[in-house]
Amino acid sequence: MNADRPVDNAPYQSHVHAGLTVEGWSRAAVQSYWRVPELKVGFDFGAQPWDFMGTPTWFVSHTHLDHVAALPIYVARRRMMKMEPPTVYVPTESLDDVKKLMMIMHRLDRGRQLAEVKGLAAGDEIELSREHIVSVVNTFHTIPSRGFIVSERRRKLKDEFIGLPGEKIKELRLSGVEITREERIPLVAYTGDTSPAGLDKNPIFFEAKILITEMSFIRASHRRDKIHKFGHMHLDDFLERAKQFKNELIIAAHFSTRYHPNEVRKLLDNKLPPELKAKLKIWV
């Protein structure tokens, strides 16, 4: 047990990059859960480390059990600890069934499932704060699934006003002229489970400073057509797109339980090109 954690009920790793901490753990068919504490946001509920309970806003990529099973536990813990009800976003297609699940857990547990659960479709945007916004995209899995991009919003002076004296800019602003435009910087992107189409049809995934994604399969003997059919990715999918990844950090996880961690490390060390190896962190 880690002495720094009051209750060490679920494993997770932690990595800091560009002032943001990514915490989580993911293994295919076991459990996936992530959070970025500085942004007060989390992704998926395959399990729920006790430390994660204080994060108030969560986005569920899809409702396979290894990504959603701990949702009622998280909600119940916050109620028990007298915290405010959290906000949880799920794919719109799954919303009614998730609410039914929570009602059933209410009956079984005899404890109220207090949470604001909302559905999300591709194109939706959720404001986390004045500075941060979450964009929602479709990904490609065996059931309805979503990916998420958390961006920083900044106001920039419009090009036509650059170089004007300060007094003139102030005059324009006071007269009601919109002198600034919004600029978005994608900070953290989360694909959840997806075939390569989830990347290809959402190129913003390649642009985020931090990309959290899946690499479920790595052996050459595992057929990619079958892997893609079931909504997952293979190491070779990353090799083919190596030059497209503009990310500063890629966290690759959700490896199949067929693989020992040492096999994952050795194979990726041998096959990744230097430019991809330098930015890819294996979470296994």
Foldseek 3Di string as FASTA:
>chain_A
DPPVDPDFDDDWDWDDDPRWIWIWAAAAPQATKIDTVVLLEIEFPLDAGPVNLRRAEYEYFADDNNGHVCLQVSQQVCVVVVHAAGEYEYAPVCQVVVVVVQVVCCVVVVHHRRHHYYHDDQQDKADSDPFKIKHWHFFAAPDTGIKIWIKTKDKDFDPVCPPPDPVVVVVCVVVPHDGIDIDIATAEIEQEFFECVRCVVPVVLLRHQEYEYEAAEEDPPDDNVVQRVRGHHHPVSCVVCVVSRPHQAYEYHRYHPVDDVVVVVVRCVVPPDPSNVNRYDYRD
